[in-house]
C-alpha cells in the first residue's frame, strides 16, 4: 500500500518504540515518518505539516491537551497509543480518536494508519 506523499509524526518519549513504529511504517506503507518526543510535539506541528499523528498518551491524557489541540488544529488525523487497558475502547473526552494499545504489532499499526488514509 504505497503512500509516497503521506507524512506521519510519531510522538513517543520511548525512543526505541518510536523507532520501531517508524521502521514498520516505512517498510509497510512507504511513507515519510518523523519521530519526536512529546515535549517537542507542538513545535514540530507548527513547523511542519503531517497527515497523521501517532501520539503516545501513556496512562492518561493529562498534560497533553496542548499537543492534542495542536494536532487537530493542524488538520492531522490523530491516533493515540497507550499502555492503559482502560483506553481499549476509547479515551474519555476524545471518543472519535482511535487508540492503539501498546505493545502494538505491525498489523494493528498499519491498519490504524490505513483507516486514517481512507478517511482523507
N, C-alpha and C. Protein backbone atom coordinates (compact mmCIF):
# COMPACT_ATOMS: atom_id res chain seq x y z
N UNK A 1 0.84 -1.17 0.00
CA UNK A 1 0.00 0.00 0.00
C UNK A 1 0.89 1.23 0.00
N UNK A 2 1.44 1.63 -1.12
CA UNK A 2 2.35 2.77 -1.15
C UNK A 2 1.61 4.11 -1.04
N UNK A 3 2.12 4.95 -0.18
CA UNK A 3 1.59 6.30 0.01
C UNK A 3 2.79 7.25 0.11
N UNK A 4 3.43 7.48 -1.02
CA UNK A 4 4.68 8.22 -1.04
C UNK A 4 4.58 9.61 -0.45
N UNK A 5 3.42 10.23 -0.51
CA UNK A 5 3.30 11.59 -0.02
C UNK A 5 2.74 11.67 1.39
N UNK A 6 2.44 10.54 2.00
CA UNK A 6 1.87 10.50 3.34
C UNK A 6 2.95 10.84 4.36
N UNK A 7 2.64 11.83 5.21
CA UNK A 7 3.59 12.26 6.24
C UNK A 7 3.02 11.93 7.61
N UNK A 8 3.80 11.18 8.38
CA UNK A 8 3.35 10.71 9.69
C UNK A 8 4.33 11.18 10.76
N UNK A 9 3.78 11.71 11.85
CA UNK A 9 4.58 12.10 13.00
C UNK A 9 4.31 11.11 14.12
N UNK A 10 5.36 10.45 14.59
CA UNK A 10 5.26 9.52 15.72
C UNK A 10 5.79 10.25 16.94
N UNK A 11 4.92 10.43 17.93
CA UNK A 11 5.28 11.17 19.14
C UNK A 11 5.31 10.18 20.30
N UNK A 12 6.50 9.93 20.81
CA UNK A 12 6.65 8.96 21.89
C UNK A 12 7.93 9.28 22.65
N UNK A 13 7.86 9.29 23.97
CA UNK A 13 9.04 9.54 24.78
C UNK A 13 9.96 8.32 24.85
N UNK A 14 9.45 7.17 24.45
CA UNK A 14 10.27 5.95 24.39
C UNK A 14 10.86 5.88 22.98
N UNK A 15 12.11 6.29 22.86
CA UNK A 15 12.74 6.41 21.54
C UNK A 15 12.71 5.09 20.76
N UNK A 16 12.98 3.98 21.41
CA UNK A 16 13.03 2.70 20.70
C UNK A 16 11.65 2.29 20.18
N UNK A 17 10.61 2.62 20.93
CA UNK A 17 9.25 2.33 20.46
C UNK A 17 8.94 3.19 19.24
N UNK A 18 9.30 4.46 19.30
CA UNK A 18 9.08 5.36 18.16
C UNK A 18 9.87 4.89 16.94
N UNK A 19 11.09 4.47 17.17
CA UNK A 19 11.94 3.99 16.09
C UNK A 19 11.36 2.72 15.46
N UNK A 20 10.82 1.83 16.29
CA UNK A 20 10.18 0.62 15.79
C UNK A 20 8.96 0.97 14.93
N UNK A 21 8.15 1.91 15.40
CA UNK A 21 6.98 2.34 14.63
C UNK A 21 7.43 2.94 13.30
N UNK A 22 8.48 3.74 13.34
CA UNK A 22 9.00 4.34 12.11
C UNK A 22 9.41 3.26 11.10
N UNK A 23 10.13 2.26 11.55
CA UNK A 23 10.58 1.18 10.66
C UNK A 23 9.40 0.41 10.09
N UNK A 24 8.43 0.08 10.94
CA UNK A 24 7.24 -0.64 10.47
C UNK A 24 6.53 0.16 9.39
N UNK A 25 6.32 1.43 9.65
CA UNK A 25 5.56 2.26 8.71
C UNK A 25 6.31 2.46 7.40
N UNK A 26 7.59 2.73 7.47
CA UNK A 26 8.36 2.93 6.24
C UNK A 26 8.39 1.66 5.39
N UNK A 27 8.54 0.52 6.04
CA UNK A 27 8.59 -0.74 5.30
C UNK A 27 7.22 -1.14 4.76
N UNK A 28 6.18 -0.94 5.56
CA UNK A 28 4.86 -1.44 5.20
C UNK A 28 4.10 -0.54 4.23
N UNK A 29 4.24 0.78 4.39
CA UNK A 29 3.43 1.65 3.53
C UNK A 29 4.23 2.72 2.80
N UNK A 30 5.55 2.65 2.90
CA UNK A 30 6.39 3.53 2.10
C UNK A 30 5.97 5.00 2.23
N UNK A 31 6.08 5.52 3.44
CA UNK A 31 5.68 6.90 3.71
C UNK A 31 6.83 7.64 4.39
N UNK A 32 6.64 8.93 4.59
CA UNK A 32 7.63 9.75 5.28
C UNK A 32 7.27 9.79 6.76
N UNK A 33 8.18 9.34 7.61
CA UNK A 33 7.92 9.28 9.05
C UNK A 33 8.94 10.12 9.80
N UNK A 34 8.44 10.93 10.72
CA UNK A 34 9.29 11.72 11.61
C UNK A 34 8.96 11.30 13.04
N UNK A 35 9.98 11.17 13.88
CA UNK A 35 9.73 10.84 15.28
C UNK A 35 10.19 11.99 16.15
N UNK A 36 9.46 12.18 17.26
CA UNK A 36 9.81 13.24 18.20
C UNK A 36 9.31 12.87 19.59
N UNK A 37 9.86 13.52 20.58
CA UNK A 37 9.39 13.37 21.96
C UNK A 37 8.16 14.23 22.17
N UNK A 38 7.37 13.90 23.17
CA UNK A 38 6.15 14.68 23.44
C UNK A 38 6.48 16.15 23.69
N UNK A 39 7.60 16.43 24.34
CA UNK A 39 7.95 17.82 24.67
C UNK A 39 8.16 18.68 23.42
N UNK A 40 8.45 18.07 22.29
CA UNK A 40 8.69 18.82 21.06
C UNK A 40 7.53 18.72 20.07
N UNK A 41 6.46 18.07 20.45
CA UNK A 41 5.34 17.82 19.55
C UNK A 41 4.71 19.10 19.01
N UNK A 42 4.32 19.99 19.88
CA UNK A 42 3.64 21.21 19.44
C UNK A 42 4.51 22.03 18.49
N UNK A 43 5.79 22.14 18.83
CA UNK A 43 6.72 22.88 17.98
C UNK A 43 6.86 22.22 16.62
N UNK A 44 6.94 20.91 16.59
CA UNK A 44 7.07 20.17 15.33
C UNK A 44 5.83 20.36 14.47
N UNK A 45 4.64 20.38 15.10
CA UNK A 45 3.40 20.57 14.37
C UNK A 45 3.27 21.99 13.81
N UNK A 46 3.85 22.97 14.50
CA UNK A 46 3.84 24.34 13.98
C UNK A 46 4.79 24.49 12.80
N UNK A 47 5.88 23.74 12.82
CA UNK A 47 6.91 23.89 11.80
C UNK A 47 6.64 23.08 10.53
N UNK A 48 5.93 21.96 10.66
CA UNK A 48 5.73 21.07 9.53
C UNK A 48 4.29 20.58 9.49
N UNK A 49 3.87 20.11 8.31
CA UNK A 49 2.53 19.55 8.14
C UNK A 49 2.63 18.03 8.13
N UNK A 50 1.74 17.39 8.89
CA UNK A 50 1.67 15.93 8.94
C UNK A 50 0.24 15.50 8.68
N UNK A 51 0.11 14.43 7.92
CA UNK A 51 -1.22 13.89 7.63
C UNK A 51 -1.78 13.15 8.84
N UNK A 52 -0.88 12.44 9.53
CA UNK A 52 -1.28 11.61 10.66
C UNK A 52 -0.30 11.81 11.80
N UNK A 53 -0.83 11.90 13.02
CA UNK A 53 0.00 11.98 14.22
C UNK A 53 -0.35 10.80 15.10
N UNK A 54 0.66 9.98 15.40
CA UNK A 54 0.53 8.87 16.35
C UNK A 54 1.10 9.38 17.66
N UNK A 55 0.22 9.68 18.60
CA UNK A 55 0.60 10.33 19.86
C UNK A 55 0.49 9.38 21.03
N UNK A 56 1.62 9.09 21.66
CA UNK A 56 1.61 8.26 22.85
C UNK A 56 1.06 9.05 24.02
N UNK A 57 -0.01 8.53 24.62
CA UNK A 57 -0.59 9.20 25.79
C UNK A 57 -0.26 8.45 27.08
N UNK A 58 0.41 7.32 26.97
CA UNK A 58 0.76 6.56 28.17
C UNK A 58 -0.47 6.10 28.91
N UNK A 59 -0.57 6.53 30.16
CA UNK A 59 -1.69 6.13 31.01
C UNK A 59 -2.80 7.16 31.08
N UNK A 60 -2.53 8.38 30.60
CA UNK A 60 -3.51 9.46 30.75
C UNK A 60 -3.27 10.56 29.73
N UNK A 61 -4.31 11.31 29.43
CA UNK A 61 -4.16 12.46 28.54
C UNK A 61 -3.80 13.73 29.31
N UNK A 62 -3.71 13.63 30.64
CA UNK A 62 -3.36 14.79 31.45
C UNK A 62 -2.06 15.40 30.95
N UNK A 63 -2.05 16.68 30.76
CA UNK A 63 -0.86 17.39 30.32
C UNK A 63 -0.62 17.34 28.82
N UNK A 64 -1.50 16.70 28.08
CA UNK A 64 -1.32 16.57 26.63
C UNK A 64 -2.32 17.37 25.82
N UNK A 65 -3.14 18.15 26.48
CA UNK A 65 -4.18 18.89 25.77
C UNK A 65 -3.57 19.79 24.69
N UNK A 66 -2.46 20.44 24.99
CA UNK A 66 -1.81 21.33 24.03
C UNK A 66 -1.39 20.55 22.77
N UNK A 67 -0.83 19.38 22.95
CA UNK A 67 -0.39 18.57 21.82
C UNK A 67 -1.58 18.06 21.01
N UNK A 68 -2.62 17.62 21.71
CA UNK A 68 -3.82 17.12 21.03
C UNK A 68 -4.46 18.24 20.22
N UNK A 69 -4.63 19.40 20.83
CA UNK A 69 -5.22 20.54 20.13
C UNK A 69 -4.37 20.98 18.95
N UNK A 70 -3.04 20.95 19.10
CA UNK A 70 -2.15 21.35 18.01
C UNK A 70 -2.29 20.40 16.82
N UNK A 71 -2.37 19.10 17.09
CA UNK A 71 -2.51 18.12 16.01
C UNK A 71 -3.83 18.31 15.28
N UNK A 72 -4.89 18.47 16.03
CA UNK A 72 -6.21 18.63 15.42
C UNK A 72 -6.31 19.96 14.67
N UNK A 73 -5.76 21.02 15.24
CA UNK A 73 -5.80 22.34 14.59
C UNK A 73 -5.00 22.34 13.29
N UNK A 74 -3.96 21.50 13.23
CA UNK A 74 -3.14 21.42 12.02
C UNK A 74 -3.82 20.60 10.92
N UNK A 75 -4.97 20.00 11.25
CA UNK A 75 -5.69 19.21 10.27
C UNK A 75 -5.19 17.77 10.17
N UNK A 76 -4.38 17.36 11.11
CA UNK A 76 -3.85 15.99 11.11
C UNK A 76 -4.89 15.02 11.66
N UNK A 77 -4.88 13.81 11.12
CA UNK A 77 -5.63 12.73 11.75
C UNK A 77 -4.82 12.30 12.96
N UNK A 78 -5.49 12.00 14.04
CA UNK A 78 -4.81 11.68 15.29
C UNK A 78 -5.13 10.26 15.70
N UNK A 79 -4.10 9.54 16.10
CA UNK A 79 -4.22 8.20 16.68
C UNK A 79 -3.48 8.22 18.00
N UNK A 80 -4.14 7.74 19.05
CA UNK A 80 -3.47 7.63 20.34
C UNK A 80 -2.81 6.26 20.45
N UNK A 81 -1.64 6.21 21.08
CA UNK A 81 -1.09 4.94 21.53
C UNK A 81 -1.05 5.04 23.05
N UNK A 82 -1.37 3.93 23.71
CA UNK A 82 -1.50 3.97 25.16
C UNK A 82 -1.12 2.64 25.79
N UNK A 83 -0.74 2.70 27.04
CA UNK A 83 -0.42 1.50 27.81
C UNK A 83 -1.55 1.12 28.75
N UNK A 84 -2.53 1.98 28.88
CA UNK A 84 -3.63 1.77 29.81
C UNK A 84 -4.75 0.97 29.14
N UNK A 85 -4.97 -0.25 29.61
CA UNK A 85 -6.02 -1.11 29.04
C UNK A 85 -7.40 -0.48 29.13
N UNK A 86 -7.60 0.45 30.07
CA UNK A 86 -8.90 1.12 30.19
C UNK A 86 -9.24 1.93 28.94
N UNK A 87 -8.24 2.23 28.11
CA UNK A 87 -8.45 3.00 26.89
C UNK A 87 -8.72 2.13 25.67
N UNK A 88 -8.86 0.83 25.85
CA UNK A 88 -9.05 -0.08 24.72
C UNK A 88 -10.24 0.31 23.86
N UNK A 89 -11.27 0.85 24.47
CA UNK A 89 -12.48 1.23 23.73
C UNK A 89 -12.60 2.74 23.55
N UNK A 90 -11.52 3.46 23.76
CA UNK A 90 -11.53 4.90 23.57
C UNK A 90 -11.07 5.65 24.81
N UNK A 91 -10.74 6.90 24.59
CA UNK A 91 -10.26 7.77 25.67
C UNK A 91 -11.36 8.75 26.03
N UNK A 92 -11.72 8.84 27.31
CA UNK A 92 -12.76 9.79 27.71
C UNK A 92 -12.42 11.21 27.22
N UNK A 93 -13.42 11.85 26.65
CA UNK A 93 -13.23 13.20 26.12
C UNK A 93 -12.80 13.23 24.67
N UNK A 94 -12.35 12.08 24.14
CA UNK A 94 -11.88 12.00 22.76
C UNK A 94 -12.45 10.75 22.09
N UNK A 95 -13.78 10.65 22.01
CA UNK A 95 -14.40 9.41 21.54
C UNK A 95 -14.13 9.07 20.08
N UNK A 96 -13.76 10.05 19.27
CA UNK A 96 -13.57 9.80 17.85
C UNK A 96 -12.12 9.48 17.48
N UNK A 97 -11.24 9.44 18.47
CA UNK A 97 -9.83 9.19 18.18
C UNK A 97 -9.50 7.73 18.50
N UNK A 98 -8.99 7.04 17.48
CA UNK A 98 -8.64 5.63 17.62
C UNK A 98 -7.48 5.46 18.59
N UNK A 99 -7.50 4.33 19.32
CA UNK A 99 -6.46 4.03 20.30
C UNK A 99 -5.78 2.71 19.93
N UNK A 100 -4.46 2.74 19.89
CA UNK A 100 -3.66 1.53 19.74
C UNK A 100 -3.04 1.22 21.09
N UNK A 101 -3.34 0.05 21.62
CA UNK A 101 -2.74 -0.32 22.89
C UNK A 101 -1.36 -0.89 22.66
N UNK A 102 -0.43 -0.48 23.51
CA UNK A 102 0.94 -0.99 23.45
C UNK A 102 1.03 -2.28 24.25
N UNK A 103 1.84 -3.20 23.82
CA UNK A 103 2.62 -3.15 22.58
C UNK A 103 1.72 -3.48 21.39
N UNK A 104 1.86 -2.71 20.33
CA UNK A 104 1.08 -2.97 19.13
C UNK A 104 1.99 -3.61 18.09
N UNK A 105 1.39 -4.41 17.24
CA UNK A 105 2.14 -5.07 16.19
C UNK A 105 2.02 -4.36 14.87
N UNK A 106 2.68 -4.89 13.88
CA UNK A 106 2.68 -4.29 12.55
C UNK A 106 1.28 -4.20 11.97
N UNK A 107 0.51 -5.26 12.10
CA UNK A 107 -0.83 -5.27 11.52
C UNK A 107 -1.73 -4.22 12.16
N UNK A 108 -1.70 -4.11 13.48
CA UNK A 108 -2.54 -3.12 14.17
C UNK A 108 -2.14 -1.70 13.78
N UNK A 109 -0.84 -1.44 13.71
CA UNK A 109 -0.35 -0.10 13.37
C UNK A 109 -0.71 0.26 11.93
N UNK A 110 -0.44 -0.63 11.01
CA UNK A 110 -0.72 -0.31 9.61
C UNK A 110 -2.22 -0.22 9.36
N UNK A 111 -3.02 -1.00 10.09
CA UNK A 111 -4.47 -0.92 9.95
C UNK A 111 -4.99 0.44 10.43
N UNK A 112 -4.45 0.92 11.55
CA UNK A 112 -4.86 2.23 12.07
C UNK A 112 -4.51 3.34 11.08
N UNK A 113 -3.31 3.27 10.51
CA UNK A 113 -2.90 4.27 9.52
C UNK A 113 -3.77 4.18 8.28
N UNK A 114 -4.04 2.97 7.82
CA UNK A 114 -4.89 2.79 6.64
C UNK A 114 -6.29 3.35 6.89
N UNK A 115 -6.79 3.21 8.12
CA UNK A 115 -8.09 3.77 8.45
C UNK A 115 -8.10 5.29 8.30
N UNK A 116 -7.03 5.92 8.66
CA UNK A 116 -6.93 7.38 8.51
C UNK A 116 -6.83 7.78 7.05
N UNK A 117 -6.12 6.99 6.28
CA UNK A 117 -5.94 7.29 4.86
C UNK A 117 -7.27 7.20 4.13
N UNK A 118 -8.10 6.24 4.49
CA UNK A 118 -9.40 6.12 3.82
C UNK A 118 -10.35 7.24 4.23
N UNK A 119 -10.09 7.86 5.40
CA UNK A 119 -10.91 8.99 5.84
C UNK A 119 -10.57 10.27 5.09
N UNK A 120 -9.34 10.35 4.60
CA UNK A 120 -8.85 11.57 3.95
C UNK A 120 -9.50 11.83 2.63
